[in-house]
Amino acid sequence: MIPARYSHILFGLILSFLMTGVVSAIVTVRALPPEIPFLGAWFGSWMSSWAIGFPVVLFVAPITRRLVAKLTK
């Protein structure tokens, strides 16, 4: 098991993995002509977006949590 003190990093890792995978798949399907294989193009796009998405999620998540705390009771 992973220690609880790393939960924010694990959360960011899983969230960015799933979100960038879904978004890059949608964008790749819409951008590619039918004759280009989807999986290779999508995987390359996904890994590029995940490399950016993971640090962004780690940076933005605490800001988002504070904003949500201020907007809710």
Protein backbone atom coordinates (compact mmCIF):
# COMPACT_ATOMS: atom_id res chain seq x y z
CA MET A 1 0.00 0.00 0.00
CA ILE A 2 0.99 3.58 -0.59
CA PRO A 3 1.23 5.80 2.50
CA ALA A 4 -1.63 8.29 2.93
CA ARG A 5 0.73 11.27 2.79
CA TYR A 6 1.12 10.58 -0.95
CA SER A 7 -2.63 10.48 -1.60
CA HIS A 8 -2.67 13.89 -3.35
CA ILE A 9 0.00 12.72 -5.79
CA LEU A 10 -1.79 9.43 -6.45
CA PHE A 11 -5.06 11.32 -6.92
CA GLY A 12 -3.39 13.63 -9.47
CA LEU A 13 -1.76 10.71 -11.24
CA ILE A 14 -5.01 8.76 -11.64
CA LEU A 15 -7.13 11.81 -12.49
CA SER A 16 -4.70 13.11 -15.11
CA PHE A 17 -4.27 9.61 -16.59
CA LEU A 18 -8.01 9.13 -17.06
CA MET A 19 -8.89 12.66 -18.17
CA THR A 20 -6.07 13.05 -20.68
CA GLY A 21 -6.85 9.58 -22.06
CA VAL A 22 -10.50 10.42 -22.68
CA VAL A 23 -9.91 13.92 -24.03
CA SER A 24 -7.03 12.90 -26.30
CA ALA A 25 -9.12 10.00 -27.68
CA ILE A 26 -11.98 12.34 -28.55
CA VAL A 27 -9.69 14.89 -30.17
CA THR A 28 -7.73 12.22 -32.05
CA VAL A 29 -10.87 10.59 -33.47
CA ARG A 30 -12.16 13.95 -34.65
CA ALA A 31 -8.85 15.07 -36.17
CA LEU A 32 -7.69 11.94 -37.99
CA PRO A 33 -8.77 10.92 -41.45
CA PRO A 34 -10.17 7.36 -41.54
CA GLU A 35 -7.12 5.87 -43.29
CA ILE A 36 -4.72 6.69 -40.42
CA PRO A 37 -4.61 4.06 -37.63
CA PHE A 38 -6.21 5.40 -34.46
CA LEU A 39 -4.31 3.58 -31.69
CA GLY A 40 -0.80 4.70 -32.60
CA ALA A 41 -1.80 8.31 -33.13
CA TRP A 42 -3.93 8.35 -29.97
CA PHE A 43 -1.26 6.78 -27.77
CA GLY A 44 1.33 9.36 -28.83
CA SER A 45 -1.11 12.19 -28.22
CA TRP A 46 -2.14 10.74 -24.89
CA MET A 47 1.40 10.42 -23.56
CA SER A 48 2.23 13.99 -24.62
CA SER A 49 -0.89 15.38 -22.98
CA TRP A 50 -0.37 13.29 -19.84
CA ALA A 51 3.18 14.64 -19.45
CA ILE A 52 1.66 18.11 -19.28
CA GLY A 53 -1.61 17.19 -17.55
CA PHE A 54 -0.11 15.48 -14.49
CA PRO A 55 1.94 18.46 -13.23
CA VAL A 56 -0.94 20.82 -14.07
CA VAL A 57 -3.36 18.73 -11.98
CA LEU A 58 -0.91 18.71 -9.07
CA PHE A 59 -0.62 22.49 -9.27
CA VAL A 60 -4.30 23.30 -9.87
CA ALA A 61 -5.95 20.82 -7.46
CA PRO A 62 -5.12 22.72 -4.23
CA ILE A 63 -6.31 25.99 -5.77
CA THR A 64 -9.53 24.31 -6.90
CA ARG A 65 -10.11 22.79 -3.45
CA ARG A 66 -9.76 26.23 -1.79
CA LEU A 67 -12.10 27.80 -4.33
CA VAL A 68 -14.71 25.09 -3.81
CA ALA A 69 -14.42 25.48 -0.03
CA LYS A 70 -15.14 29.22 -0.38
CA LEU A 71 -18.10 28.62 -2.70
CA THR A 72 -19.78 26.00 -0.52
CA LYS A 73 -21.07 25.91 3.05
